[in-house]
Amino acid sequence: MNKIQIEEWITPISDLNDLYFLQLSDNGILRILVTDQNERQHVIEFDSFVSYKSTDEGHCLNFWSIKPTSSWTFKVLNSSLFDEAFRNLETLDAKDSFEHYAIATWDRCIEVLADKEPKIKLK
């Protein structure tokens, strides 16, 4: 397996001091609820996505070892999640319009394949 390559993804929550996972819901819109060091809640909404994965922090060591600076949000450049999601397509042209977004909190890593960035706002 190749070493994961990532780049920082600048968002309203990327430079917070602390970030903790609260909730994930999927009713056609993927909503991720996180809280910061001041207990303010932030909602991350993906209107359109192909796949997502939520992993306990104990299994996120591959991200923690290469996470850029102190950012909580980044993009994965060589994505095995991509390969899995697009494996059965006859053409991979659609793959080029998607990004692999990752949100790494202290207690959870959430990865999302989406064709556009999510909305991120205070709750």
PDB file of N, CA and C in Angstrom:
ATOM      1  N   MET A   1       0.838  -1.189   0.000  1.00  0.00           N
ATOM      2  CA  MET A   1       0.000   0.000   0.000  1.00  0.00           C
ATOM      3  C   MET A   1       0.879   1.246   0.000  1.00  0.00           C
ATOM      4  N   ASN A   2       0.525   2.209  -0.830  1.00  0.00           N
ATOM      5  CA  ASN A   2       1.280   3.457  -0.911  1.00  0.00           C
ATOM      6  C   ASN A   2       1.006   4.328   0.308  1.00  0.00           C
ATOM      7  N   LYS A   3       2.006   5.107   0.675  1.00  0.00           N
ATOM      8  CA  LYS A   3       1.833   6.049   1.776  1.00  0.00           C
ATOM      9  C   LYS A   3       0.819   7.110   1.364  1.00  0.00           C
ATOM     10  N   ILE A   4      -0.067   7.439   2.274  1.00  0.00           N
ATOM     11  CA  ILE A   4      -1.103   8.436   1.993  1.00  0.00           C
ATOM     12  C   ILE A   4      -0.461   9.796   1.777  1.00  0.00           C
ATOM     13  N   GLN A   5      -0.949  10.503   0.760  1.00  0.00           N
ATOM     14  CA  GLN A   5      -0.500  11.860   0.481  1.00  0.00           C
ATOM     15  C   GLN A   5      -1.686  12.793   0.690  1.00  0.00           C
ATOM     16  N   ILE A   6      -1.454  13.849   1.448  1.00  0.00           N
ATOM     17  CA  ILE A   6      -2.537  14.783   1.741  1.00  0.00           C
ATOM     18  C   ILE A   6      -2.063  16.217   1.541  1.00  0.00           C
ATOM     19  N   GLU A   7      -3.049  17.107   1.423  1.00  0.00           N
ATOM     20  CA  GLU A   7      -2.758  18.540   1.392  1.00  0.00           C
ATOM     21  C   GLU A   7      -3.750  19.241   2.297  1.00  0.00           C
ATOM     22  N   GLU A   8      -3.339  20.346   2.869  1.00  0.00           N
ATOM     23  CA  GLU A   8      -4.214  21.100   3.764  1.00  0.00           C
ATOM     24  C   GLU A   8      -5.420  21.625   2.994  1.00  0.00           C
ATOM     25  N   TRP A   9      -6.561  21.590   3.626  1.00  0.00           N
ATOM     26  CA  TRP A   9      -7.813  22.108   3.072  1.00  0.00           C
ATOM     27  C   TRP A   9      -8.271  23.201   4.029  1.00  0.00           C
ATOM     28  N   ILE A  10      -8.171  24.448   3.599  1.00  0.00           N
ATOM     29  CA  ILE A  10      -8.495  25.601   4.440  1.00  0.00           C
ATOM     30  C   ILE A  10     -10.016  25.734   4.555  1.00  0.00           C
ATOM     31  N   THR A  11     -10.503  25.689   5.803  1.00  0.00           N
ATOM     32  CA  THR A  11     -11.934  25.802   6.085  1.00  0.00           C
ATOM     33  C   THR A  11     -12.115  26.668   7.332  1.00  0.00           C
ATOM     34  N   PRO A  12     -13.348  27.029   7.667  1.00  0.00           N
ATOM     35  CA  PRO A  12     -13.582  27.797   8.907  1.00  0.00           C
ATOM     36  C   PRO A  12     -13.185  27.034  10.178  1.00  0.00           C
ATOM     37  N   ILE A  13     -13.035  25.718  10.098  1.00  0.00           N
ATOM     38  CA  ILE A  13     -12.674  24.943  11.287  1.00  0.00           C
ATOM     39  C   ILE A  13     -11.247  24.405  11.239  1.00  0.00           C
ATOM     40  N   SER A  14     -10.517  24.668  10.175  1.00  0.00           N
ATOM     41  CA  SER A  14      -9.198  24.044  10.014  1.00  0.00           C
ATOM     42  C   SER A  14      -8.170  24.491  11.041  1.00  0.00           C
ATOM     43  N   ASP A  15      -8.288  25.705  11.559  1.00  0.00           N
ATOM     44  CA  ASP A  15      -7.250  26.187  12.472  1.00  0.00           C
ATOM     45  C   ASP A  15      -7.729  26.354  13.918  1.00  0.00           C
ATOM     46  N   LEU A  16      -8.820  25.690  14.285  1.00  0.00           N
ATOM     47  CA  LEU A  16      -9.269  25.732  15.674  1.00  0.00           C
ATOM     48  C   LEU A  16      -8.260  25.017  16.569  1.00  0.00           C
ATOM     49  N   ASN A  17      -8.248  25.356  17.854  1.00  0.00           N
ATOM     50  CA  ASN A  17      -7.319  24.699  18.781  1.00  0.00           C
ATOM     51  C   ASN A  17      -7.666  23.236  19.007  1.00  0.00           C
ATOM     52  N   ASP A  18      -8.957  22.931  19.150  1.00  0.00           N
ATOM     53  CA  ASP A  18      -9.424  21.575  19.379  1.00  0.00           C
ATOM     54  C   ASP A  18     -10.686  21.344  18.571  1.00  0.00           C
ATOM     55  N   LEU A  19     -10.892  20.091  18.180  1.00  0.00           N
ATOM     56  CA  LEU A  19     -12.097  19.738  17.441  1.00  0.00           C
ATOM     57  C   LEU A  19     -12.510  18.330  17.846  1.00  0.00           C
ATOM     58  N   TYR A  20     -13.784  18.181  18.214  1.00  0.00           N
ATOM     59  CA  TYR A  20     -14.315  16.905  18.682  1.00  0.00           C
ATOM     60  C   TYR A  20     -15.559  16.525  17.885  1.00  0.00           C
ATOM     61  N   PHE A  21     -15.683  15.259  17.580  1.00  0.00           N
ATOM     62  CA  PHE A  21     -16.829  14.719  16.855  1.00  0.00           C
ATOM     63  C   PHE A  21     -18.026  14.604  17.784  1.00  0.00           C
ATOM     64  N   LEU A  22     -19.222  14.980  17.285  1.00  0.00           N
ATOM     65  CA  LEU A  22     -20.453  14.808  18.047  1.00  0.00           C
ATOM     66  C   LEU A  22     -21.425  13.851  17.370  1.00  0.00           C
ATOM     67  N   GLN A  23     -21.654  14.057  16.049  1.00  0.00           N
ATOM     68  CA  GLN A  23     -22.720  13.296  15.400  1.00  0.00           C
ATOM     69  C   GLN A  23     -22.545  13.297  13.890  1.00  0.00           C
ATOM     70  N   LEU A  24     -23.023  12.231  13.270  1.00  0.00           N
ATOM     71  CA  LEU A  24     -23.064  12.129  11.815  1.00  0.00           C
ATOM     72  C   LEU A  24     -24.451  11.626  11.446  1.00  0.00           C
ATOM     73  N   SER A  25     -25.090  12.262  10.467  1.00  0.00           N
ATOM     74  CA  SER A  25     -26.388  11.797   9.978  1.00  0.00           C
ATOM     75  C   SER A  25     -26.402  11.866   8.459  1.00  0.00           C
ATOM     76  N   ASP A  26     -27.120  10.922   7.867  1.00  0.00           N
ATOM     77  CA  ASP A  26     -27.206  10.832   6.406  1.00  0.00           C
ATOM     78  C   ASP A  26     -28.663  10.604   6.023  1.00  0.00           C
ATOM     79  N   ASN A  27     -29.298  11.655   5.534  1.00  0.00           N
ATOM     80  CA  ASN A  27     -30.663  11.545   5.014  1.00  0.00           C
ATOM     81  C   ASN A  27     -30.706  12.110   3.594  1.00  0.00           C
ATOM     82  N   GLY A  28     -29.676  11.811   2.833  1.00  0.00           N
ATOM     83  CA  GLY A  28     -29.507  12.383   1.506  1.00  0.00           C
ATOM     84  C   GLY A  28     -28.549  13.559   1.528  1.00  0.00           C
ATOM     85  N   ILE A  29     -28.490  14.237   2.652  1.00  0.00           N
ATOM     86  CA  ILE A  29     -27.487  15.270   2.928  1.00  0.00           C
ATOM     87  C   ILE A  29     -26.668  14.743   4.092  1.00  0.00           C
ATOM     88  N   LEU A  30     -25.361  14.710   3.915  1.00  0.00           N
ATOM     89  CA  LEU A  30     -24.480  14.227   4.975  1.00  0.00           C
ATOM     90  C   LEU A  30     -24.181  15.385   5.914  1.00  0.00           C
ATOM     91  N   ARG A  31     -24.588  15.245   7.179  1.00  0.00           N
ATOM     92  CA  ARG A  31     -24.358  16.275   8.192  1.00  0.00           C
ATOM     93  C   ARG A  31     -23.415  15.733   9.246  1.00  0.00           C
ATOM     94  N   ILE A  32     -22.373  16.488   9.501  1.00  0.00           N
ATOM     95  CA  ILE A  32     -21.392  16.135  10.521  1.00  0.00           C
ATOM     96  C   ILE A  32     -21.401  17.270  11.538  1.00  0.00           C
ATOM     97  N   LEU A  33     -21.585  16.919  12.793  1.00  0.00           N
ATOM     98  CA  LEU A  33     -21.617  17.912  13.856  1.00  0.00           C
ATOM     99  C   LEU A  33     -20.364  17.746  14.706  1.00  0.00           C
ATOM    100  N   VAL A  34     -19.618  18.838  14.870  1.00  0.00           N
ATOM    101  CA  VAL A  34     -18.394  18.839  15.675  1.00  0.00           C
ATOM    102  C   VAL A  34     -18.461  19.998  16.655  1.00  0.00           C
ATOM    103  N   THR A  35     -17.614  19.944  17.673  1.00  0.00           N
ATOM    104  CA  THR A  35     -17.556  21.031  18.644  1.00  0.00           C
ATOM    105  C   THR A  35     -16.104  21.462  18.836  1.00  0.00           C
ATOM    106  N   ASP A  36     -15.911  22.726  19.150  1.00  0.00           N
ATOM    107  CA  ASP A  36     -14.553  23.239  19.316  1.00  0.00           C
ATOM    108  C   ASP A  36     -14.210  23.401  20.793  1.00  0.00           C
ATOM    109  N   GLN A  37     -13.068  23.988  21.075  1.00  0.00           N
ATOM    110  CA  GLN A  37     -12.569  24.137  22.444  1.00  0.00           C
ATOM    111  C   GLN A  37     -13.463  25.024  23.304  1.00  0.00           C
ATOM    112  N   ASN A  38     -14.278  25.859  22.688  1.00  0.00           N
ATOM    113  CA  ASN A  38     -15.194  26.738  23.423  1.00  0.00           C
ATOM    114  C   ASN A  38     -16.618  26.191  23.448  1.00  0.00           C
ATOM    115  N   GLU A  39     -16.752  24.925  23.075  1.00  0.00           N
ATOM    116  CA  GLU A  39     -18.039  24.219  23.032  1.00  0.00           C
ATOM    117  C   GLU A  39     -19.019  24.823  22.034  1.00  0.00           C
ATOM    118  N   ARG A  40     -18.494  25.530  21.045  1.00  0.00           N
ATOM    119  CA  ARG A  40     -19.337  25.984  19.939  1.00  0.00           C
ATOM    120  C   ARG A  40     -19.492  24.819  18.976  1.00  0.00           C
ATOM    121  N   GLN A  41     -20.697  24.613  18.499  1.00  0.00           N
ATOM    122  CA  GLN A  41     -20.961  23.519  17.567  1.00  0.00           C
ATOM    123  C   GLN A  41     -20.911  24.025  16.134  1.00  0.00           C
ATOM    124  N   HIS A  42     -20.279  23.232  15.282  1.00  0.00           N
ATOM    125  CA  HIS A  42     -20.147  23.537  13.859  1.00  0.00           C
ATOM    126  C   HIS A  42     -20.801  22.420  13.065  1.00  0.00           C
ATOM    127  N   VAL A  43     -21.547  22.798  12.038  1.00  0.00           N
ATOM    128  CA  VAL A  43     -22.214  21.840  11.165  1.00  0.00           C
ATOM    129  C   VAL A  43     -21.491  21.820   9.829  1.00  0.00           C
ATOM    130  N   ILE A  44     -21.147  20.614   9.382  1.00  0.00           N
ATOM    131  CA  ILE A  44     -20.509  20.412   8.085  1.00  0.00           C
ATOM    132  C   ILE A  44     -21.522  19.654   7.234  1.00  0.00           C
ATOM    133  N   GLU A  45     -21.968  20.240   6.119  1.00  0.00           N
ATOM    134  CA  GLU A  45     -23.004  19.623   5.288  1.00  0.00           C
ATOM    135  C   GLU A  45     -22.513  19.388   3.867  1.00  0.00           C
ATOM    136  N   PHE A  46     -22.564  18.136   3.465  1.00  0.00           N
ATOM    137  CA  PHE A  46     -22.284  17.756   2.083  1.00  0.00           C
ATOM    138  C   PHE A  46     -23.625  17.496   1.405  1.00  0.00           C
ATOM    139  N   ASP A  47     -24.006  18.343   0.438  1.00  0.00           N
ATOM    140  CA  ASP A  47     -25.262  18.171  -0.291  1.00  0.00           C
ATOM    141  C   ASP A  47     -25.194  17.012  -1.269  1.00  0.00           C
ATOM    142  N   SER A  48     -24.002  16.753  -1.755  1.00  0.00           N
ATOM    143  CA  SER A  48     -23.808  15.727  -2.771  1.00  0.00           C
ATOM    144  C   SER A  48     -22.533  14.963  -2.431  1.00  0.00           C
ATOM    145  N   PHE A  49     -22.629  13.642  -2.365  1.00  0.00           N
ATOM    146  CA  PHE A  49     -21.461  12.821  -2.044  1.00  0.00           C
ATOM    147  C   PHE A  49     -21.661  11.424  -2.619  1.00  0.00           C
ATOM    148  N   VAL A  50     -20.562  10.724  -2.819  1.00  0.00           N
ATOM    149  CA  VAL A  50     -20.602   9.366  -3.350  1.00  0.00           C
ATOM    150  C   VAL A  50     -20.431   8.344  -2.232  1.00  0.00           C
ATOM    151  N   SER A  51     -19.547   8.662  -1.305  1.00  0.00           N
ATOM    152  CA  SER A  51     -19.199   7.706  -0.261  1.00  0.00           C
ATOM    153  C   SER A  51     -18.646   8.468   0.935  1.00  0.00           C
ATOM    154  N   TYR A  52     -18.759   7.853   2.100  1.00  0.00           N
ATOM    155  CA  TYR A  52     -18.112   8.404   3.289  1.00  0.00           C
ATOM    156  C   TYR A  52     -17.723   7.267   4.215  1.00  0.00           C
ATOM    157  N   LYS A  53     -16.777   7.579   5.094  1.00  0.00           N
ATOM    158  CA  LYS A  53     -16.288   6.609   6.060  1.00  0.00           C
ATOM    159  C   LYS A  53     -16.016   7.349   7.361  1.00  0.00           C
ATOM    160  N   SER A  54     -16.466   6.767   8.471  1.00  0.00           N
ATOM    161  CA  SER A  54     -16.231   7.321   9.797  1.00  0.00           C
ATOM    162  C   SER A  54     -15.423   6.309  10.587  1.00  0.00           C
ATOM    163  N   THR A  55     -14.269   6.729  11.093  1.00  0.00           N
ATOM    164  CA  THR A  55     -13.339   5.820  11.749  1.00  0.00           C
ATOM    165  C   THR A  55     -12.969   6.340  13.124  1.00  0.00           C
ATOM    166  N   ASP A  56     -12.959   5.448  14.106  1.00  0.00           N
ATOM    167  CA  ASP A  56     -12.523   5.792  15.458  1.00  0.00           C
ATOM    168  C   ASP A  56     -11.074   6.268  15.410  1.00  0.00           C
ATOM    169  N   GLU A  57     -10.720   7.207  16.291  1.00  0.00           N
ATOM    170  CA  GLU A  57      -9.378   7.808  16.241  1.00  0.00           C
ATOM    171  C   GLU A  57      -8.254   6.794  16.397  1.00  0.00           C
ATOM    172  N   GLY A  58      -8.502   5.706  17.060  1.00  0.00           N
ATOM    173  CA  GLY A  58      -7.463   4.698  17.240  1.00  0.00           C
ATOM    174  C   GLY A  58      -7.022   4.043  15.944  1.00  0.00           C
ATOM    175  N   HIS A  59      -7.859   4.154  14.917  1.00  0.00           N
ATOM    176  CA  HIS A  59      -7.540   3.571  13.619  1.00  0.00           C
ATOM    177  C   HIS A  59      -7.200   4.641  12.581  1.00  0.00           C
ATOM    178  N   CYS A  60      -6.917   5.839  13.045  1.00  0.00           N
ATOM    179  CA  CYS A  60      -6.596   6.961  12.154  1.00  0.00           C
ATOM    180  C   CYS A  60      -5.115   7.308  12.190  1.00  0.00           C
ATOM    181  N   LEU A  61      -4.302   6.435  12.691  1.00  0.00           N
ATOM    182  CA  LEU A  61      -2.882   6.748  12.855  1.00  0.00           C
ATOM    183  C   LEU A  61      -2.202   7.112  11.541  1.00  0.00           C
ATOM    184  N   ASN A  62      -2.686   6.540  10.435  1.00  0.00           N
ATOM    185  CA  ASN A  62      -2.085   6.883   9.145  1.00  0.00           C
ATOM    186  C   ASN A  62      -2.261   8.366   8.820  1.00  0.00           C
ATOM    187  N   PHE A  63      -3.363   8.993   9.265  1.00  0.00           N
ATOM    188  CA  PHE A  63      -3.555  10.425   9.057  1.00  0.00           C
ATOM    189  C   PHE A  63      -2.763  11.242  10.062  1.00  0.00           C
ATOM    190  N   TRP A  64      -2.802  10.850  11.340  1.00  0.00           N
ATOM    191  CA  TRP A  64      -2.132  11.629  12.371  1.00  0.00           C
ATOM    192  C   TRP A  64      -0.634  11.727  12.130  1.00  0.00           C
ATOM    193  N   SER A  65      -0.051  10.705  11.564  1.00  0.00           N
ATOM    194  CA  SER A  65       1.398  10.732  11.358  1.00  0.00           C
ATOM    195  C   SER A  65       1.822  11.681  10.245  1.00  0.00           C
ATOM    196  N   ILE A  66       0.900  12.054   9.348  1.00  0.00           N
ATOM    197  CA  ILE A  66       1.270  12.927   8.230  1.00  0.00           C
ATOM    198  C   ILE A  66       0.406  14.176   8.141  1.00  0.00           C
ATOM    199  N   LYS A  67      -0.470  14.383   9.113  1.00  0.00           N
ATOM    200  CA  LYS A  67      -1.389  15.521   9.087  1.00  0.00           C
ATOM    201  C   LYS A  67      -0.597  16.824   9.004  1.00  0.00           C
ATOM    202  N   PRO A  68      -0.944  17.703   8.034  1.00  0.00           N
ATOM    203  CA  PRO A  68      -0.201  18.959   7.884  1.00  0.00           C
ATOM    204  C   PRO A  68      -0.452  19.903   9.049  1.00  0.00           C
ATOM    205  N   THR A  69       0.588  20.445   9.564  1.00  0.00           N
ATOM    206  CA  THR A  69       0.552  21.430  10.656  1.00  0.00           C
ATOM    207  C   THR A  69      -0.519  21.077  11.680  1.00  0.00           C
ATOM    208  N   SER A  70      -1.318  22.047  12.059  1.00  0.00           N
ATOM    209  CA  SER A  70      -2.349  21.802  13.059  1.00  0.00           C
ATOM    210  C   SER A  70      -3.744  21.756  12.445  1.00  0.00           C
ATOM    211  N   SER A  71      -3.833  21.643  11.141  1.00  0.00           N
ATOM    212  CA  SER A  71      -5.120  21.656  10.462  1.00  0.00           C
ATOM    213  C   SER A  71      -5.950  20.423  10.805  1.00  0.00           C
ATOM    214  N   TRP A  72      -7.249  20.629  10.954  1.00  0.00           N
ATOM    215  CA  TRP A  72      -8.180  19.518  11.197  1.00  0.00           C
ATOM    216  C   TRP A  72      -8.789  19.025   9.896  1.00  0.00           C
ATOM    217  N   THR A  73      -8.637  19.790   8.818  1.00  0.00           N
ATOM    218  CA  THR A  73      -9.259  19.435   7.547  1.00  0.00           C
ATOM    219  C   THR A  73      -8.201  19.362   6.454  1.00  0.00           C
ATOM    220  N   PHE A  74      -8.319  18.362   5.609  1.00  0.00           N
ATOM    221  CA  PHE A  74      -7.368  18.200   4.517  1.00  0.00           C
ATOM    222  C   PHE A  74      -7.980  17.360   3.408  1.00  0.00           C
ATOM    223  N   LYS A  75      -7.289  17.307   2.272  1.00  0.00           N
ATOM    224  CA  LYS A  75      -7.707  16.493   1.135  1.00  0.00           C
ATOM    225  C   LYS A  75      -6.703  15.369   0.959  1.00  0.00           C
ATOM    226  N   VAL A  76      -7.223  14.197   0.642  1.00  0.00           N
ATOM    227  CA  VAL A  76      -6.376  13.039   0.386  1.00  0.00           C
ATOM    228  C   VAL A  76      -6.143  12.984  -1.123  1.00  0.00           C
ATOM    229  N   LEU A  77      -4.871  12.925  -1.526  1.00  0.00           N
ATOM    230  CA  LEU A  77      -4.526  12.996  -2.948  1.00  0.00           C
ATOM    231  C   LEU A  77      -4.472  11.629  -3.617  1.00  0.00           C
ATOM    232  N   ASN A  78      -4.072  10.599  -2.901  1.00  0.00           N
ATOM    233  CA  ASN A  78      -4.006   9.250  -3.480  1.00  0.00           C
ATOM    234  C   ASN A  78      -4.932   8.350  -2.675  1.00  0.00           C
ATOM    235  N   SER A  79      -6.192   8.351  -3.052  1.00  0.00           N
ATOM    236  CA  SER A  79      -7.250   7.814  -2.224  1.00  0.00           C
ATOM    237  C   SER A  79      -7.628   6.372  -2.543  1.00  0.00           C
ATOM    238  N   SER A  80      -7.515   5.491  -1.564  1.00  0.00           N
ATOM    239  CA  SER A  80      -8.014   4.126  -1.739  1.00  0.00           C
ATOM    240  C   SER A  80      -9.543   4.124  -1.654  1.00  0.00           C
ATOM    241  N   LEU A  81     -10.131   5.094  -0.960  1.00  0.00           N
ATOM    242  CA  LEU A  81     -11.581   5.226  -0.916  1.00  0.00           C
ATOM    243  C   LEU A  81     -12.124   5.522  -2.316  1.00  0.00           C
ATOM    244  N   PHE A  82     -11.387   6.328  -3.089  1.00  0.00           N
ATOM    245  CA  PHE A  82     -11.716   6.577  -4.488  1.00  0.00           C
ATOM    246  C   PHE A  82     -11.740   5.276  -5.270  1.00  0.00           C
ATOM    247  N   ASP A  83     -10.667   4.527  -5.138  1.00  0.00           N
ATOM    248  CA  ASP A  83     -10.543   3.278  -5.896  1.00  0.00           C
ATOM    249  C   ASP A  83     -11.709   2.346  -5.598  1.00  0.00           C
ATOM    250  N   GLU A  84     -12.086   2.254  -4.342  1.00  0.00           N
ATOM    251  CA  GLU A  84     -13.193   1.394  -3.941  1.00  0.00           C
ATOM    252  C   GLU A  84     -14.526   1.906  -4.495  1.00  0.00           C
ATOM    253  N   ALA A  85     -14.774   3.202  -4.400  1.00  0.00           N
ATOM    254  CA  ALA A  85     -16.052   3.781  -4.835  1.00  0.00           C
ATOM    255  C   ALA A  85     -16.233   3.714  -6.348  1.00  0.00           C
ATOM    256  N   PHE A  86     -15.140   3.854  -7.096  1.00  0.00           N
ATOM    257  CA  PHE A  86     -15.242   3.918  -8.555  1.00  0.00           C
ATOM    258  C   PHE A  86     -14.815   2.622  -9.243  1.00  0.00           C
ATOM    259  N   ARG A  87     -14.572   1.571  -8.494  1.00  0.00           N
ATOM    260  CA  ARG A  87     -14.062   0.305  -9.033  1.00  0.00           C
ATOM    261  C   ARG A  87     -14.935  -0.269 -10.139  1.00  0.00           C
ATOM    262  N   ASN A  88     -16.234  -0.215  -9.990  1.00  0.00           N
ATOM    263  CA  ASN A  88     -17.132  -0.888 -10.926  1.00  0.00           C
ATOM    264  C   ASN A  88     -17.626  -0.013 -12.075  1.00  0.00           C
ATOM    265  N   LEU A  89     -17.153   1.197 -12.165  1.00  0.00           N
ATOM    266  CA  LEU A  89     -17.557   2.054 -13.281  1.00  0.00           C
ATOM    267  C   LEU A  89     -16.777   1.699 -14.542  1.00  0.00           C
ATOM    268  N   GLU A  90     -17.453   1.717 -15.681  1.00  0.00           N
ATOM    269  CA  GLU A  90     -16.778   1.422 -16.941  1.00  0.00           C
ATOM    270  C   GLU A  90     -15.830   2.541 -17.334  1.00  0.00           C
ATOM    271  N   THR A  91     -16.206   3.771 -17.011  1.00  0.00           N
ATOM    272  CA  THR A  91     -15.337   4.903 -17.291  1.00  0.00           C
ATOM    273  C   THR A  91     -15.032   5.631 -15.994  1.00  0.00           C
ATOM    274  N   LEU A  92     -13.822   6.065 -15.846  1.00  0.00           N
ATOM    275  CA  LEU A  92     -13.441   6.780 -14.640  1.00  0.00           C
ATOM    276  C   LEU A  92     -13.411   8.287 -14.849  1.00  0.00           C
ATOM    277  N   ASP A  93     -14.008   8.763 -15.961  1.00  0.00           N
ATOM    278  CA  ASP A  93     -14.019  10.199 -16.225  1.00  0.00           C
ATOM    279  C   ASP A  93     -14.682  10.969 -15.090  1.00  0.00           C
ATOM    280  N   ALA A  94     -15.742  10.419 -14.516  1.00  0.00           N
ATOM    281  CA  ALA A  94     -16.458  11.092 -13.426  1.00  0.00           C
ATOM    282  C   ALA A  94     -15.569  11.256 -12.199  1.00  0.00           C
ATOM    283  N   LYS A  95     -14.632  10.367 -12.024  1.00  0.00           N
ATOM    284  CA  LYS A  95     -13.749  10.398 -10.858  1.00  0.00           C
ATOM    285  C   LYS A  95     -13.008  11.727 -10.748  1.00  0.00           C
ATOM    286  N   ASP A  96     -12.672  12.335 -11.872  1.00  0.00           N
ATOM    287  CA  ASP A  96     -11.907  13.578 -11.873  1.00  0.00           C
ATOM    288  C   ASP A  96     -12.669  14.755 -11.271  1.00  0.00           C
ATOM    289  N   SER A  97     -13.976  14.670 -11.186  1.00  0.00           N
ATOM    290  CA  SER A  97     -14.748  15.781 -10.638  1.00  0.00           C
ATOM    291  C   SER A  97     -14.962  15.662  -9.129  1.00  0.00           C
ATOM    292  N   PHE A  98     -14.418  14.620  -8.504  1.00  0.00           N
ATOM    293  CA  PHE A  98     -14.599  14.406  -7.069  1.00  0.00           C
ATOM    294  C   PHE A  98     -13.310  14.647  -6.297  1.00  0.00           C
ATOM    295  N   GLU A  99     -13.475  15.040  -5.038  1.00  0.00           N
ATOM    296  CA  GLU A  99     -12.365  15.215  -4.103  1.00  0.00           C
ATOM    297  C   GLU A  99     -12.582  14.278  -2.930  1.00  0.00           C
ATOM    298  N   HIS A 100     -11.490  13.900  -2.294  1.00  0.00           N
ATOM    299  CA  HIS A 100     -11.544  13.093  -1.066  1.00  0.00           C
ATOM    300  C   HIS A 100     -11.244  14.039   0.089  1.00  0.00           C
ATOM    301  N   TYR A 101     -12.296  14.442   0.803  1.00  0.00           N
ATOM    302  CA  TYR A 101     -12.184  15.363   1.928  1.00  0.00           C
ATOM    303  C   TYR A 101     -12.019  14.558   3.222  1.00  0.00           C
ATOM    304  N   ALA A 102     -11.236  15.081   4.146  1.00  0.00           N
ATOM    305  CA  ALA A 102     -11.049  14.424   5.434  1.00  0.00           C
ATOM    306  C   ALA A 102     -11.132  15.451   6.555  1.00  0.00           C
ATOM    307  N   ILE A 103     -11.856  15.072   7.602  1.00  0.00           N
ATOM    308  CA  ILE A 103     -11.961  15.866   8.815  1.00  0.00           C
ATOM    309  C   ILE A 103     -11.450  14.981   9.942  1.00  0.00           C
ATOM    310  N   ALA A 104     -10.346  15.376  10.566  1.00  0.00           N
ATOM    311  CA  ALA A 104      -9.738  14.571  11.623  1.00  0.00           C
ATOM    312  C   ALA A 104      -9.931  15.289  12.952  1.00  0.00           C
ATOM    313  N   THR A 105     -10.835  14.775  13.783  1.00  0.00           N
ATOM    314  CA  THR A 105     -11.042  15.346  15.106  1.00  0.00           C
ATOM    315  C   THR A 105     -10.226  14.536  16.104  1.00  0.00           C
ATOM    316  N   TRP A 106     -10.248  14.945  17.372  1.00  0.00           N
ATOM    317  CA  TRP A 106      -9.507  14.202  18.388  1.00  0.00           C
ATOM    318  C   TRP A 106     -10.028  12.783  18.545  1.00  0.00           C
ATOM    319  N   ASP A 107     -11.306  12.577  18.245  1.00  0.00           N
ATOM    320  CA  ASP A 107     -11.902  11.273  18.517  1.00  0.00           C
ATOM    321  C   ASP A 107     -12.497  10.556  17.313  1.00  0.00           C
ATOM    322  N   ARG A 108     -12.335  11.118  16.102  1.00  0.00           N
ATOM    323  CA  ARG A 108     -12.908  10.481  14.923  1.00  0.00           C
ATOM    324  C   ARG A 108     -12.273  11.051  13.668  1.00  0.00           C
ATOM    325  N   CYS A 109     -12.158  10.222  12.641  1.00  0.00           N
ATOM    326  CA  CYS A 109     -11.751  10.680  11.306  1.00  0.00           C
ATOM    327  C   CYS A 109     -12.921  10.419  10.365  1.00  0.00           C
ATOM    328  N   ILE A 110     -13.350  11.440   9.660  1.00  0.00           N
ATOM    329  CA  ILE A 110     -14.444  11.305   8.717  1.00  0.00           C
ATOM    330  C   ILE A 110     -13.911  11.651   7.337  1.00  0.00           C
ATOM    331  N   GLU A 111     -14.108  10.729   6.409  1.00  0.00           N
ATOM    332  CA  GLU A 111     -13.650  10.914   5.036  1.00  0.00           C
ATOM    333  C   GLU A 111     -14.867  10.912   4.122  1.00  0.00           C
ATOM    334  N   VAL A 112     -14.881  11.825   3.154  1.00  0.00           N
ATOM    335  CA  VAL A 112     -16.029  11.974   2.268  1.00  0.00           C
ATOM    336  C   VAL A 112     -15.541  12.164   0.837  1.00  0.00           C
ATOM    337  N   LEU A 113     -16.140  11.414  -0.094  1.00  0.00           N
ATOM    338  CA  LEU A 113     -15.919  11.657  -1.524  1.00  0.00           C
ATOM    339  C   LEU A 113     -17.080  12.500  -2.018  1.00  0.00           C
ATOM    340  N   ALA A 114     -16.779  13.693  -2.510  1.00  0.00           N
ATOM    341  CA  ALA A 114     -17.829  14.609  -2.937  1.00  0.00           C
ATOM    342  C   ALA A 114     -17.365  15.416  -4.142  1.00  0.00           C
ATOM    343  N   ASP A 115     -18.336  15.914  -4.903  1.00  0.00           N
ATOM    344  CA  ASP A 115     -18.001  16.702  -6.087  1.00  0.00           C
ATOM    345  C   ASP A 115     -17.944  18.198  -5.802  1.00  0.00           C
ATOM    346  N   LYS A 116     -18.241  18.587  -4.558  1.00  0.00           N
ATOM    347  CA  LYS A 116     -18.073  19.987  -4.171  1.00  0.00           C
ATOM    348  C   LYS A 116     -17.838  20.060  -2.668  1.00  0.00           C
ATOM    349  N   GLU A 117     -17.231  21.156  -2.250  1.00  0.00           N
ATOM    350  CA  GLU A 117     -16.938  21.353  -0.841  1.00  0.00           C
ATOM    351  C   GLU A 117     -18.226  21.479  -0.039  1.00  0.00           C
ATOM    352  N   PRO A 118     -18.174  21.104   1.234  1.00  0.00           N
ATOM    353  CA  PRO A 118     -19.371  21.218   2.070  1.00  0.00           C
ATOM    354  C   PRO A 118     -19.589  22.654   2.537  1.00  0.00           C
ATOM    355  N   LYS A 119     -20.788  22.890   3.036  1.00  0.00           N
ATOM    356  CA  LYS A 119     -21.069  24.134   3.757  1.00  0.00           C
ATOM    357  C   LYS A 119     -20.628  23.879   5.198  1.00  0.00           C
ATOM    358  N   ILE A 120     -19.934  24.837   5.790  1.00  0.00           N
ATOM    359  CA  ILE A 120     -19.512  24.726   7.186  1.00  0.00           C
ATOM    360  C   ILE A 120     -19.968  25.988   7.895  1.00  0.00           C
ATOM    361  N   LYS A 121     -20.771  25.800   8.957  1.00  0.00           N
ATOM    362  CA  LYS A 121     -21.330  26.955   9.660  1.00  0.00           C
ATOM    363  C   LYS A 121     -21.481  26.647  11.141  1.00  0.00           C
ATOM    364  N   LEU A 122     -21.569  27.707  11.950  1.00  0.00           N
ATOM    365  CA  LEU A 122     -21.880  27.546  13.364  1.00  0.00           C
ATOM    366  C   LEU A 122     -23.336  27.142  13.499  1.00  0.00           C
ATOM    367  N   LYS A 123     -23.604  26.271  14.449  1.00  0.00           N
ATOM    368  CA  LYS A 123     -24.981  25.829  14.676  1.00  0.00           C
ATOM    369  C   LYS A 123     -25.729  26.874  15.478  1.00  0.00           C
TER     370      LYS A 123
END
